[in-house]
């Protein structure tokens, strides 16, 4: 035994390192194939967060305007407007890629609007 390592494995390791260097992920050995799928998932998440935020903001503003013209207490349209503002901000965050924070802000905004409905 001369203590030499197996020299046949060195080129395979070097080729695998070159393949994963472009993907930003270590050790998958797939090359760049999954990079497009992750970008598509992120794009769909951004669109979903932005769209949901805009939809809930419009619904909250419409409910606030309808409740403001009626005989509801002042806290009701204020709660709808505050929840709508939170949902609008969540839509902005979602469009910028902060989808996890946007989700929690959407939940909080919808809860504020639901709480405002309880005051009526």
PDB file of N, CA and C in Angstrom:
ATOM      1  N   UNK A   1       0.831  -1.174   0.000  1.00  0.00           N
ATOM      2  CA  UNK A   1       0.000   0.000   0.000  1.00  0.00           C
ATOM      3  C   UNK A   1       0.875   1.237   0.000  1.00  0.00           C
ATOM      4  N   UNK A   2       0.635   2.055  -0.983  1.00  0.00           N
ATOM      5  CA  UNK A   2       1.454   3.252  -1.112  1.00  0.00           C
ATOM      6  C   UNK A   2       0.797   4.474  -0.491  1.00  0.00           C
ATOM      7  N   UNK A   3      -0.479   4.406  -0.082  1.00  0.00           N
ATOM      8  CA  UNK A   3      -1.154   5.536   0.538  1.00  0.00           C
ATOM      9  C   UNK A   3      -1.744   6.507  -0.465  1.00  0.00           C
ATOM     10  N   UNK A   4      -1.695   6.146  -1.740  1.00  0.00           N
ATOM     11  CA  UNK A   4      -2.277   7.030  -2.750  1.00  0.00           C
ATOM     12  C   UNK A   4      -3.788   6.919  -2.746  1.00  0.00           C
ATOM     13  N   UNK A   5      -4.434   8.042  -3.009  1.00  0.00           N
ATOM     14  CA  UNK A   5      -5.895   8.013  -3.109  1.00  0.00           C
ATOM     15  C   UNK A   5      -6.288   7.606  -4.518  1.00  0.00           C
ATOM     16  N   UNK A   6      -7.515   7.249  -4.684  1.00  0.00           N
ATOM     17  CA  UNK A   6      -8.015   6.860  -5.987  1.00  0.00           C
ATOM     18  C   UNK A   6      -8.140   8.118  -6.848  1.00  0.00           C
ATOM     19  N   UNK A   7      -7.401   8.210  -7.921  1.00  0.00           N
ATOM     20  CA  UNK A   7      -7.387   9.412  -8.743  1.00  0.00           C
ATOM     21  C   UNK A   7      -8.541   9.481  -9.714  1.00  0.00           C
ATOM     22  N   UNK A   8      -9.302   8.403  -9.871  1.00  0.00           N
ATOM     23  CA  UNK A   8     -10.418   8.415 -10.806  1.00  0.00           C
ATOM     24  C   UNK A   8     -11.599   9.239 -10.299  1.00  0.00           C
ATOM     25  N   UNK A   9     -11.718   9.452  -9.007  1.00  0.00           N
ATOM     26  CA  UNK A   9     -12.869  10.184  -8.474  1.00  0.00           C
ATOM     27  C   UNK A   9     -12.677  11.690  -8.527  1.00  0.00           C
ATOM     28  N   UNK A  10     -11.482  12.180  -8.647  1.00  0.00           N
ATOM     29  CA  UNK A  10     -11.262  13.623  -8.624  1.00  0.00           C
ATOM     30  C   UNK A  10     -11.945  14.359  -9.777  1.00  0.00           C
ATOM     31  N   UNK A  11     -11.887  13.902 -11.028  1.00  0.00           N
ATOM     32  CA  UNK A  11     -12.583  14.637 -12.084  1.00  0.00           C
ATOM     33  C   UNK A  11     -14.096  14.631 -11.913  1.00  0.00           C
ATOM     34  N   UNK A  12     -14.675  13.558 -11.405  1.00  0.00           N
ATOM     35  CA  UNK A  12     -16.122  13.512 -11.212  1.00  0.00           C
ATOM     36  C   UNK A  12     -16.548  14.509 -10.144  1.00  0.00           C
ATOM     37  N   UNK A  13     -15.758  14.640  -9.101  1.00  0.00           N
ATOM     38  CA  UNK A  13     -16.079  15.612  -8.060  1.00  0.00           C
ATOM     39  C   UNK A  13     -15.956  17.023  -8.613  1.00  0.00           C
ATOM     40  N   UNK A  14     -14.951  17.276  -9.394  1.00  0.00           N
ATOM     41  CA  UNK A  14     -14.770  18.607  -9.968  1.00  0.00           C
ATOM     42  C   UNK A  14     -15.898  18.952 -10.933  1.00  0.00           C
ATOM     43  N   UNK A  15     -16.359  17.994 -11.731  1.00  0.00           N
ATOM     44  CA  UNK A  15     -17.458  18.253 -12.654  1.00  0.00           C
ATOM     45  C   UNK A  15     -18.748  18.528 -11.907  1.00  0.00           C
ATOM     46  N   UNK A  16     -19.006  17.789 -10.807  1.00  0.00           N
ATOM     47  CA  UNK A  16     -20.207  18.009 -10.013  1.00  0.00           C
ATOM     48  C   UNK A  16     -20.171  19.396  -9.380  1.00  0.00           C
ATOM     49  N   UNK A  17     -19.002  19.834  -8.937  1.00  0.00           N
ATOM     50  CA  UNK A  17     -18.884  21.162  -8.339  1.00  0.00           C
ATOM     51  C   UNK A  17     -19.138  22.241  -9.374  1.00  0.00           C
ATOM     52  N   UNK A  18     -18.727  22.032 -10.612  1.00  0.00           N
ATOM     53  CA  UNK A  18     -18.977  23.007 -11.657  1.00  0.00           C
ATOM     54  C   UNK A  18     -20.455  23.058 -12.007  1.00  0.00           C
ATOM     55  N   UNK A  19     -21.131  21.912 -11.997  1.00  0.00           N
ATOM     56  CA  UNK A  19     -22.557  21.881 -12.328  1.00  0.00           C
ATOM     57  C   UNK A  19     -23.380  22.629 -11.291  1.00  0.00           C
ATOM     58  N   UNK A  20     -23.047  22.486 -10.015  1.00  0.00           N
ATOM     59  CA  UNK A  20     -23.844  23.112  -8.972  1.00  0.00           C
ATOM     60  C   UNK A  20     -23.440  24.542  -8.712  1.00  0.00           C
ATOM     61  N   UNK A  21     -22.353  25.014  -9.296  1.00  0.00           N
ATOM     62  CA  UNK A  21     -21.908  26.376  -9.033  1.00  0.00           C
ATOM     63  C   UNK A  21     -22.880  27.400  -9.603  1.00  0.00           C
ATOM     64  N   UNK A  22     -23.519  27.117 -10.704  1.00  0.00           N
ATOM     65  CA  UNK A  22     -24.424  28.074 -11.325  1.00  0.00           C
ATOM     66  C   UNK A  22     -25.798  28.122 -10.695  1.00  0.00           C
ATOM     67  N   UNK A  23     -26.177  27.132  -9.903  1.00  0.00           N
ATOM     68  CA  UNK A  23     -27.527  27.091  -9.358  1.00  0.00           C
ATOM     69  C   UNK A  23     -27.653  27.779  -8.024  1.00  0.00           C
ATOM     70  N   UNK A  24     -26.563  28.002  -7.334  1.00  0.00           N
ATOM     71  CA  UNK A  24     -26.647  28.604  -6.018  1.00  0.00           C
ATOM     72  C   UNK A  24     -26.980  27.599  -4.938  1.00  0.00           C
ATOM     73  N   UNK A  25     -27.120  26.331  -5.306  1.00  0.00           N
ATOM     74  CA  UNK A  25     -27.423  25.294  -4.326  1.00  0.00           C
ATOM     75  C   UNK A  25     -26.327  24.261  -4.399  1.00  0.00           C
ATOM     76  N   UNK A  26     -25.870  23.798  -3.281  1.00  0.00           N
ATOM     77  CA  UNK A  26     -24.762  22.851  -3.250  1.00  0.00           C
ATOM     78  C   UNK A  26     -25.282  21.418  -3.187  1.00  0.00           C
ATOM     79  N   UNK A  27     -24.660  20.573  -3.977  1.00  0.00           N
ATOM     80  CA  UNK A  27     -24.861  19.151  -3.817  1.00  0.00           C
ATOM     81  C   UNK A  27     -26.043  18.538  -4.519  1.00  0.00           C
ATOM     82  N   UNK A  28     -26.792  19.256  -5.328  1.00  0.00           N
ATOM     83  CA  UNK A  28     -27.926  18.590  -5.949  1.00  0.00           C
ATOM     84  C   UNK A  28     -27.529  17.865  -7.227  1.00  0.00           C
ATOM     85  N   UNK A  29     -26.482  18.330  -7.890  1.00  0.00           N
ATOM     86  CA  UNK A  29     -25.993  17.640  -9.067  1.00  0.00           C
ATOM     87  C   UNK A  29     -26.922  17.725 -10.257  1.00  0.00           C
ATOM     88  N   UNK A  30     -27.943  18.553 -10.192  1.00  0.00           N
ATOM     89  CA  UNK A  30     -28.925  18.641 -11.264  1.00  0.00           C
ATOM     90  C   UNK A  30     -28.553  19.683 -12.310  1.00  0.00           C
ATOM     91  N   UNK A  31     -27.556  20.457 -12.062  1.00  0.00           N
ATOM     92  CA  UNK A  31     -27.265  21.551 -12.975  1.00  0.00           C
ATOM     93  C   UNK A  31     -28.186  22.713 -12.669  1.00  0.00           C
ATOM     94  N   UNK A  32     -28.732  23.354 -13.671  1.00  0.00           N
ATOM     95  CA  UNK A  32     -29.613  24.490 -13.462  1.00  0.00           C
ATOM     96  C   UNK A  32     -31.061  24.187 -13.761  1.00  0.00           C
ATOM     97  N   UNK A  33     -31.449  22.925 -13.810  1.00  0.00           N
ATOM     98  CA  UNK A  33     -32.801  22.566 -14.209  1.00  0.00           C
ATOM     99  C   UNK A  33     -33.843  23.039 -13.216  1.00  0.00           C
ATOM    100  N   UNK A  34     -33.583  22.914 -11.912  1.00  0.00           N
ATOM    101  CA  UNK A  34     -34.570  23.284 -10.908  1.00  0.00           C
ATOM    102  C   UNK A  34     -34.621  24.783 -10.663  1.00  0.00           C
ATOM    103  N   UNK A  35     -33.645  25.525 -11.120  1.00  0.00           N
ATOM    104  CA  UNK A  35     -33.634  26.963 -10.894  1.00  0.00           C
ATOM    105  C   UNK A  35     -34.844  27.652 -11.503  1.00  0.00           C
ATOM    106  N   UNK A  36     -35.262  27.232 -12.673  1.00  0.00           N
ATOM    107  CA  UNK A  36     -36.431  27.818 -13.318  1.00  0.00           C
ATOM    108  C   UNK A  36     -37.721  27.482 -12.605  1.00  0.00           C
ATOM    109  N   UNK A  37     -37.809  26.289 -12.044  1.00  0.00           N
ATOM    110  CA  UNK A  37     -39.013  25.898 -11.313  1.00  0.00           C
ATOM    111  C   UNK A  37     -39.162  26.707 -10.039  1.00  0.00           C
ATOM    112  N   UNK A  38     -38.053  26.940  -9.329  1.00  0.00           N
ATOM    113  CA  UNK A  38     -38.122  27.733  -8.104  1.00  0.00           C
ATOM    114  C   UNK A  38     -38.457  29.182  -8.421  1.00  0.00           C
ATOM    115  N   UNK A  39     -37.952  29.693  -9.531  1.00  0.00           N
ATOM    116  CA  UNK A  39     -38.276  31.061  -9.929  1.00  0.00           C
ATOM    117  C   UNK A  39     -39.751  31.162 -10.286  1.00  0.00           C
ATOM    118  N   UNK A  40     -40.304  30.145 -10.923  1.00  0.00           N
ATOM    119  CA  UNK A  40     -41.729  30.148 -11.250  1.00  0.00           C
ATOM    120  C   UNK A  40     -42.597  30.085 -10.010  1.00  0.00           C
ATOM    121  N   UNK A  41     -42.178  29.288  -9.021  1.00  0.00           N
ATOM    122  CA  UNK A  41     -42.921  29.213  -7.762  1.00  0.00           C
ATOM    123  C   UNK A  41     -42.904  30.552  -7.042  1.00  0.00           C
ATOM    124  N   UNK A  42     -41.753  31.195  -7.024  1.00  0.00           N
ATOM    125  CA  UNK A  42     -41.635  32.492  -6.355  1.00  0.00           C
ATOM    126  C   UNK A  42     -42.477  33.542  -7.074  1.00  0.00           C
ATOM    127  N   UNK A  43     -42.485  33.489  -8.393  1.00  0.00           N
ATOM    128  CA  UNK A  43     -43.279  34.445  -9.165  1.00  0.00           C
ATOM    129  C   UNK A  43     -44.766  34.250  -8.897  1.00  0.00           C
ATOM    130  N   UNK A  44     -45.214  32.994  -8.845  1.00  0.00           N
ATOM    131  CA  UNK A  44     -46.626  32.722  -8.540  1.00  0.00           C
ATOM    132  C   UNK A  44     -46.985  33.176  -7.134  1.00  0.00           C
ATOM    133  N   UNK A  45     -46.086  32.985  -6.179  1.00  0.00           N
ATOM    134  CA  UNK A  45     -46.350  33.410  -4.803  1.00  0.00           C
ATOM    135  C   UNK A  45     -46.453  34.929  -4.716  1.00  0.00           C
ATOM    136  N   UNK A  46     -45.589  35.634  -5.450  1.00  0.00           N
ATOM    137  CA  UNK A  46     -45.655  37.101  -5.448  1.00  0.00           C
ATOM    138  C   UNK A  46     -46.962  37.585  -6.058  1.00  0.00           C
ATOM    139  N   UNK A  47     -47.363  36.989  -7.182  1.00  0.00           N
ATOM    140  CA  UNK A  47     -48.617  37.390  -7.820  1.00  0.00           C
ATOM    141  C   UNK A  47     -49.819  37.071  -6.923  1.00  0.00           C
ATOM    142  N   UNK A  48     -49.785  35.921  -6.277  1.00  0.00           N
ATOM    143  CA  UNK A  48     -50.902  35.537  -5.409  1.00  0.00           C
ATOM    144  C   UNK A  48     -51.010  36.484  -4.217  1.00  0.00           C
ATOM    145  N   UNK A  49     -49.882  36.826  -3.616  1.00  0.00           N
ATOM    146  CA  UNK A  49     -49.907  37.731  -2.466  1.00  0.00           C
ATOM    147  C   UNK A  49     -50.358  39.125  -2.872  1.00  0.00           C
ATOM    148  N   UNK A  50     -49.858  39.607  -4.001  1.00  0.00           N
ATOM    149  CA  UNK A  50     -50.244  40.940  -4.460  1.00  0.00           C
ATOM    150  C   UNK A  50     -51.722  40.981  -4.855  1.00  0.00           C
ATOM    151  N   UNK A  51     -52.188  39.961  -5.555  1.00  0.00           N
ATOM    152  CA  UNK A  51     -53.583  39.918  -5.968  1.00  0.00           C
ATOM    153  C   UNK A  51     -54.547  39.777  -4.810  1.00  0.00           C
ATOM    154  N   UNK A  52     -54.202  38.915  -3.871  1.00  0.00           N
ATOM    155  CA  UNK A  52     -55.058  38.726  -2.703  1.00  0.00           C
ATOM    156  C   UNK A  52     -55.098  39.980  -1.855  1.00  0.00           C
ATOM    157  N   UNK A  53     -53.951  40.630  -1.697  1.00  0.00           N
ATOM    158  CA  UNK A  53     -53.910  41.878  -0.933  1.00  0.00           C
ATOM    159  C   UNK A  53     -54.762  42.955  -1.574  1.00  0.00           C
ATOM    160  N   UNK A  54     -54.675  43.083  -2.889  1.00  0.00           N
ATOM    161  CA  UNK A  54     -55.476  44.091  -3.583  1.00  0.00           C
ATOM    162  C   UNK A  54     -56.966  43.776  -3.493  1.00  0.00           C
ATOM    163  N   UNK A  55     -57.315  42.509  -3.657  1.00  0.00           N
ATOM    164  CA  UNK A  55     -58.725  42.112  -3.591  1.00  0.00           C
ATOM    165  C   UNK A  55     -59.311  42.356  -2.199  1.00  0.00           C
ATOM    166  N   UNK A  56     -58.592  41.964  -1.160  1.00  0.00           N
ATOM    167  CA  UNK A  56     -59.096  42.176   0.198  1.00  0.00           C
ATOM    168  C   UNK A  56     -59.125  43.656   0.556  1.00  0.00           C
ATOM    169  N   UNK A  57     -58.164  44.427   0.045  1.00  0.00           N
ATOM    170  CA  UNK A  57     -58.171  45.867   0.309  1.00  0.00           C
ATOM    171  C   UNK A  57     -59.388  46.528  -0.340  1.00  0.00           C
ATOM    172  N   UNK A  58     -59.689  46.155  -1.569  1.00  0.00           N
ATOM    173  CA  UNK A  58     -60.872  46.717  -2.234  1.00  0.00           C
ATOM    174  C   UNK A  58     -62.162  46.307  -1.528  1.00  0.00           C
ATOM    175  N   UNK A  59     -62.231  45.058  -1.106  1.00  0.00           N
ATOM    176  CA  UNK A  59     -63.430  44.599  -0.392  1.00  0.00           C
ATOM    177  C   UNK A  59     -63.577  45.322   0.944  1.00  0.00           C
ATOM    178  N   UNK A  60     -62.464  45.523   1.637  1.00  0.00           N
ATOM    179  CA  UNK A  60     -62.509  46.241   2.914  1.00  0.00           C
ATOM    180  C   UNK A  60     -62.901  47.696   2.740  1.00  0.00           C
ATOM    181  N   UNK A  61     -62.376  48.342   1.703  1.00  0.00           N
ATOM    182  CA  UNK A  61     -62.753  49.732   1.458  1.00  0.00           C
ATOM    183  C   UNK A  61     -64.227  49.857   1.080  1.00  0.00           C
ATOM    184  N   UNK A  62     -64.713  48.933   0.277  1.00  0.00           N
ATOM    185  CA  UNK A  62     -66.131  48.953  -0.085  1.00  0.00           C
ATOM    186  C   UNK A  62     -67.007  48.748   1.147  1.00  0.00           C
ATOM    187  N   UNK A  63     -66.618  47.823   2.009  1.00  0.00           N
ATOM    188  CA  UNK A  63     -67.392  47.582   3.230  1.00  0.00           C
ATOM    189  C   UNK A  63     -67.326  48.794   4.158  1.00  0.00           C
ATOM    190  N   UNK A  64     -66.159  49.445   4.232  1.00  0.00           N
ATOM    191  CA  UNK A  64     -66.041  50.635   5.073  1.00  0.00           C
ATOM    192  C   UNK A  64     -66.932  51.760   4.563  1.00  0.00           C
ATOM    193  N   UNK A  65     -66.985  51.941   3.242  1.00  0.00           N
ATOM    194  CA  UNK A  65     -67.848  52.983   2.685  1.00  0.00           C
ATOM    195  C   UNK A  65     -69.322  52.673   2.897  1.00  0.00           C
ATOM    196  N   UNK A  66     -69.690  51.402   2.736  1.00  0.00           N
ATOM    197  CA  UNK A  66     -71.087  51.030   2.956  1.00  0.00           C
ATOM    198  C   UNK A  66     -71.485  51.185   4.419  1.00  0.00           C
ATOM    199  N   UNK A  67     -70.600  50.813   5.320  1.00  0.00           N
ATOM    200  CA  UNK A  67     -70.912  50.933   6.751  1.00  0.00           C
ATOM    201  C   UNK A  67     -70.887  52.380   7.211  1.00  0.00           C
ATOM    202  N   UNK A  68     -70.073  53.217   6.576  1.00  0.00           N
ATOM    203  CA  UNK A  68     -70.003  54.623   6.967  1.00  0.00           C
ATOM    204  C   UNK A  68     -71.280  55.368   6.600  1.00  0.00           C
ATOM    205  N   UNK A  69     -71.929  54.952   5.508  1.00  0.00           N
ATOM    206  CA  UNK A  69     -73.160  55.621   5.098  1.00  0.00           C
ATOM    207  C   UNK A  69     -74.369  55.128   5.885  1.00  0.00           C
ATOM    208  N   UNK A  70     -74.242  54.016   6.576  1.00  0.00           N
ATOM    209  CA  UNK A  70     -75.357  53.453   7.339  1.00  0.00           C
ATOM    210  C   UNK A  70     -75.370  53.961   8.772  1.00  0.00           C
ATOM    211  N   UNK A  71     -76.070  53.233   9.610  1.00  0.00           N
ATOM    212  CA  UNK A  71     -76.222  53.638  11.007  1.00  0.00           C
ATOM    213  C   UNK A  71     -75.289  52.864  11.937  1.00  0.00           C
ATOM    214  N   UNK A  72     -74.188  52.378  11.427  1.00  0.00           N
ATOM    215  CA  UNK A  72     -73.255  51.605  12.237  1.00  0.00           C
ATOM    216  C   UNK A  72     -72.423  52.545  13.106  1.00  0.00           C
ATOM    217  N   UNK A  73     -71.937  52.047  14.238  1.00  0.00           N
ATOM    218  CA  UNK A  73     -71.035  52.867  15.063  1.00  0.00           C
ATOM    219  C   UNK A  73     -69.756  53.215  14.294  1.00  0.00           C
ATOM    220  N   UNK A  74     -69.075  54.248  14.731  1.00  0.00           N
ATOM    221  CA  UNK A  74     -67.892  54.738  14.012  1.00  0.00           C
ATOM    222  C   UNK A  74     -66.748  53.722  14.008  1.00  0.00           C
ATOM    223  N   UNK A  75     -66.726  52.823  14.978  1.00  0.00           N
ATOM    224  CA  UNK A  75     -65.643  51.829  15.057  1.00  0.00           C
ATOM    225  C   UNK A  75     -65.723  50.812  13.920  1.00  0.00           C
ATOM    226  N   UNK A  76     -66.909  50.593  13.399  1.00  0.00           N
ATOM    227  CA  UNK A  76     -67.080  49.577  12.359  1.00  0.00           C
ATOM    228  C   UNK A  76     -66.397  49.986  11.049  1.00  0.00           C
ATOM    229  N   UNK A  77     -66.716  51.159  10.470  1.00  0.00           N
ATOM    230  CA  UNK A  77     -66.003  51.522   9.236  1.00  0.00           C
ATOM    231  C   UNK A  77     -64.513  51.759   9.462  1.00  0.00           C
ATOM    232  N   UNK A  78     -64.142  52.207  10.664  1.00  0.00           N
ATOM    233  CA  UNK A  78     -62.719  52.402  10.964  1.00  0.00           C
ATOM    234  C   UNK A  78     -61.981  51.072  10.968  1.00  0.00           C
ATOM    235  N   UNK A  79     -62.600  50.047  11.517  1.00  0.00           N
ATOM    236  CA  UNK A  79     -61.969  48.729  11.545  1.00  0.00           C
ATOM    237  C   UNK A  79     -61.850  48.164  10.127  1.00  0.00           C
ATOM    238  N   UNK A  80     -62.879  48.348   9.322  1.00  0.00           N
ATOM    239  CA  UNK A  80     -62.792  47.888   7.934  1.00  0.00           C
ATOM    240  C   UNK A  80     -61.692  48.630   7.180  1.00  0.00           C
ATOM    241  N   UNK A  81     -61.604  49.942   7.384  1.00  0.00           N
ATOM    242  CA  UNK A  81     -60.586  50.729   6.696  1.00  0.00           C
ATOM    243  C   UNK A  81     -59.189  50.351   7.169  1.00  0.00           C
ATOM    244  N   UNK A  82     -59.020  50.107   8.461  1.00  0.00           N
ATOM    245  CA  UNK A  82     -57.716  49.705   8.993  1.00  0.00           C
ATOM    246  C   UNK A  82     -57.311  48.328   8.460  1.00  0.00           C
ATOM    247  N   UNK A  83     -58.250  47.401   8.428  1.00  0.00           N
ATOM    248  CA  UNK A  83     -57.969  46.080   7.861  1.00  0.00           C
ATOM    249  C   UNK A  83     -57.650  46.152   6.380  1.00  0.00           C
ATOM    250  N   UNK A  84     -58.357  47.031   5.661  1.00  0.00           N
ATOM    251  CA  UNK A  84     -58.086  47.200   4.231  1.00  0.00           C
ATOM    252  C   UNK A  84     -56.705  47.797   4.006  1.00  0.00           C
ATOM    253  N   UNK A  85     -56.299  48.732   4.857  1.00  0.00           N
ATOM    254  CA  UNK A  85     -54.956  49.313   4.739  1.00  0.00           C
ATOM    255  C   UNK A  85     -53.888  48.254   4.997  1.00  0.00           C
ATOM    256  N   UNK A  86     -54.125  47.399   5.971  1.00  0.00           N
ATOM    257  CA  UNK A  86     -53.182  46.307   6.229  1.00  0.00           C
ATOM    258  C   UNK A  86     -53.083  45.350   5.063  1.00  0.00           C
ATOM    259  N   UNK A  87     -54.216  45.046   4.445  1.00  0.00           N
ATOM    260  CA  UNK A  87     -54.205  44.148   3.284  1.00  0.00           C
ATOM    261  C   UNK A  87     -53.532  44.794   2.081  1.00  0.00           C
ATOM    262  N   UNK A  88     -53.715  46.099   1.917  1.00  0.00           N
ATOM    263  CA  UNK A  88     -53.050  46.798   0.816  1.00  0.00           C
ATOM    264  C   UNK A  88     -51.535  46.780   1.022  1.00  0.00           C
ATOM    265  N   UNK A  89     -51.106  47.002   2.250  1.00  0.00           N
ATOM    266  CA  UNK A  89     -49.675  46.944   2.551  1.00  0.00           C
ATOM    267  C   UNK A  89     -49.136  45.531   2.355  1.00  0.00           C
ATOM    268  N   UNK A  90     -49.940  44.532   2.676  1.00  0.00           N
ATOM    269  CA  UNK A  90     -49.530  43.147   2.446  1.00  0.00           C
ATOM    270  C   UNK A  90     -49.380  42.874   0.955  1.00  0.00           C
ATOM    271  N   UNK A  91     -50.229  43.452   0.141  1.00  0.00           N
ATOM    272  CA  UNK A  91     -50.094  43.302  -1.303  1.00  0.00           C
ATOM    273  C   UNK A  91     -48.798  43.896  -1.817  1.00  0.00           C
ATOM    274  N   UNK A  92     -48.422  45.041  -1.264  1.00  0.00           N
ATOM    275  CA  UNK A  92     -47.152  45.674  -1.649  1.00  0.00           C
ATOM    276  C   UNK A  92     -45.978  44.807  -1.220  1.00  0.00           C
ATOM    277  N   UNK A  93     -46.032  44.305   0.008  1.00  0.00           N
ATOM    278  CA  UNK A  93     -44.959  43.417   0.481  1.00  0.00           C
ATOM    279  C   UNK A  93     -44.869  42.158  -0.366  1.00  0.00           C
ATOM    280  N   UNK A  94     -46.010  41.591  -0.722  1.00  0.00           N
ATOM    281  CA  UNK A  94     -46.021  40.387  -1.541  1.00  0.00           C
ATOM    282  C   UNK A  94     -45.439  40.622  -2.915  1.00  0.00           C
ATOM    283  N   UNK A  95     -45.722  41.779  -3.496  1.00  0.00           N
ATOM    284  CA  UNK A  95     -45.186  42.096  -4.817  1.00  0.00           C
ATOM    285  C   UNK A  95     -43.672  42.269  -4.770  1.00  0.00           C
ATOM    286  N   UNK A  96     -43.144  42.671  -3.625  1.00  0.00           N
ATOM    287  CA  UNK A  96     -41.700  42.847  -3.465  1.00  0.00           C
ATOM    288  C   UNK A  96     -40.992  41.566  -3.056  1.00  0.00           C
ATOM    289  N   UNK A  97     -41.741  40.488  -2.905  1.00  0.00           N
ATOM    290  CA  UNK A  97     -41.122  39.201  -2.608  1.00  0.00           C
ATOM    291  C   UNK A  97     -41.180  38.789  -1.155  1.00  0.00           C
ATOM    292  N   UNK A  98     -41.751  39.585  -0.302  1.00  0.00           N
ATOM    293  CA  UNK A  98     -41.878  39.242   1.123  1.00  0.00           C
ATOM    294  C   UNK A  98     -43.201  38.530   1.352  1.00  0.00           C
ATOM    295  N   UNK A  99     -43.333  37.357   0.753  1.00  0.00           N
ATOM    296  CA  UNK A  99     -44.621  36.676   0.739  1.00  0.00           C
ATOM    297  C   UNK A  99     -45.011  36.109   2.097  1.00  0.00           C
ATOM    298  N   UNK A 100     -44.052  35.701   2.891  1.00  0.00           N
ATOM    299  CA  UNK A 100     -44.384  35.146   4.207  1.00  0.00           C
ATOM    300  C   UNK A 100     -44.940  36.239   5.117  1.00  0.00           C
ATOM    301  N   UNK A 101     -44.290  37.392   5.110  1.00  0.00           N
ATOM    302  CA  UNK A 101     -44.792  38.514   5.910  1.00  0.00           C
ATOM    303  C   UNK A 101     -46.130  38.995   5.361  1.00  0.00           C
ATOM    304  N   UNK A 102     -46.274  38.978   4.056  1.00  0.00           N
ATOM    305  CA  UNK A 102     -47.528  39.406   3.440  1.00  0.00           C
ATOM    306  C   UNK A 102     -48.675  38.493   3.848  1.00  0.00           C
ATOM    307  N   UNK A 103     -48.413  37.197   3.929  1.00  0.00           N
ATOM    308  CA  UNK A 103     -49.459  36.266   4.337  1.00  0.00           C
ATOM    309  C   UNK A 103     -49.951  36.576   5.740  1.00  0.00           C
ATOM    310  N   UNK A 104     -49.038  36.787   6.661  1.00  0.00           N
ATOM    311  CA  UNK A 104     -49.434  37.075   8.039  1.00  0.00           C
ATOM    312  C   UNK A 104     -50.134  38.421   8.147  1.00  0.00           C
ATOM    313  N   UNK A 105     -49.716  39.379   7.355  1.00  0.00           N
ATOM    314  CA  UNK A 105     -50.393  40.673   7.368  1.00  0.00           C
ATOM    315  C   UNK A 105     -51.786  40.575   6.753  1.00  0.00           C
ATOM    316  N   UNK A 106     -51.963  39.726   5.741  1.00  0.00           N
ATOM    317  CA  UNK A 106     -53.291  39.490   5.182  1.00  0.00           C
ATOM    318  C   UNK A 106     -54.213  38.862   6.225  1.00  0.00           C
ATOM    319  N   UNK A 107     -53.681  37.909   6.968  1.00  0.00           N
ATOM    320  CA  UNK A 107     -54.479  37.272   8.020  1.00  0.00           C
ATOM    321  C   UNK A 107     -54.865  38.292   9.078  1.00  0.00           C
ATOM    322  N   UNK A 108     -53.905  39.124   9.486  1.00  0.00           N
ATOM    323  CA  UNK A 108     -54.185  40.140  10.502  1.00  0.00           C
ATOM    324  C   UNK A 108     -55.208  41.154   9.991  1.00  0.00           C
ATOM    325  N   UNK A 109     -55.082  41.580   8.744  1.00  0.00           N
ATOM    326  CA  UNK A 109     -56.036  42.530   8.175  1.00  0.00           C
ATOM    327  C   UNK A 109     -57.439  41.964   8.095  1.00  0.00           C
ATOM    328  N   UNK A 110     -57.546  40.708   7.689  1.00  0.00           N
ATOM    329  CA  UNK A 110     -58.865  40.071   7.625  1.00  0.00           C
ATOM    330  C   UNK A 110     -59.455  39.902   9.027  1.00  0.00           C
ATOM    331  N   UNK A 111     -58.600  39.637  10.010  1.00  0.00           N
ATOM    332  CA  UNK A 111     -59.093  39.508  11.384  1.00  0.00           C
ATOM    333  C   UNK A 111     -59.583  40.846  11.925  1.00  0.00           C
ATOM    334  N   UNK A 112     -58.898  41.927  11.591  1.00  0.00           N
ATOM    335  CA  UNK A 112     -59.345  43.253  12.023  1.00  0.00           C
ATOM    336  C   UNK A 112     -60.698  43.581  11.388  1.00  0.00           C
ATOM    337  N   UNK A 113     -60.857  43.243  10.107  1.00  0.00           N
ATOM    338  CA  UNK A 113     -62.153  43.485   9.457  1.00  0.00           C
ATOM    339  C   UNK A 113     -63.249  42.629  10.089  1.00  0.00           C
ATOM    340  N   UNK A 114     -62.937  41.396  10.431  1.00  0.00           N
ATOM    341  CA  UNK A 114     -63.933  40.534  11.078  1.00  0.00           C
ATOM    342  C   UNK A 114     -64.281  41.054  12.471  1.00  0.00           C
ATOM    343  N   UNK A 115     -63.279  41.585  13.157  1.00  0.00           N
ATOM    344  CA  UNK A 115     -63.539  42.156  14.480  1.00  0.00           C
ATOM    345  C   UNK A 115     -64.428  43.399  14.345  1.00  0.00           C
ATOM    346  N   UNK A 116     -64.189  44.196  13.316  1.00  0.00           N
ATOM    347  CA  UNK A 116     -65.040  45.350  13.076  1.00  0.00           C
ATOM    348  C   UNK A 116     -66.473  44.963  12.799  1.00  0.00           C
ATOM    349  N   UNK A 117     -66.669  43.835  12.155  1.00  0.00           N
ATOM    350  CA  UNK A 117     -68.009  43.350  11.884  1.00  0.00           C
ATOM    351  C   UNK A 117     -68.719  42.947  13.169  1.00  0.00           C
ATOM    352  N   UNK A 118     -67.968  42.538  14.172  1.00  0.00           N
ATOM    353  CA  UNK A 118     -68.566  42.152  15.454  1.00  0.00           C
ATOM    354  C   UNK A 118     -69.082  43.351  16.236  1.00  0.00           C
ATOM    355  N   UNK A 119     -68.535  44.545  15.958  1.00  0.00           N
ATOM    356  CA  UNK A 119     -69.003  45.754  16.650  1.00  0.00           C
ATOM    357  C   UNK A 119     -70.388  46.171  16.195  1.00  0.00           C
ATOM    358  N   UNK A 120     -70.822  45.691  15.060  1.00  0.00           N
ATOM    359  CA  UNK A 120     -72.099  46.107  14.494  1.00  0.00           C
ATOM    360  C   UNK A 120     -73.274  45.414  15.157  1.00  0.00           C
TER     361      UNK A 120
END
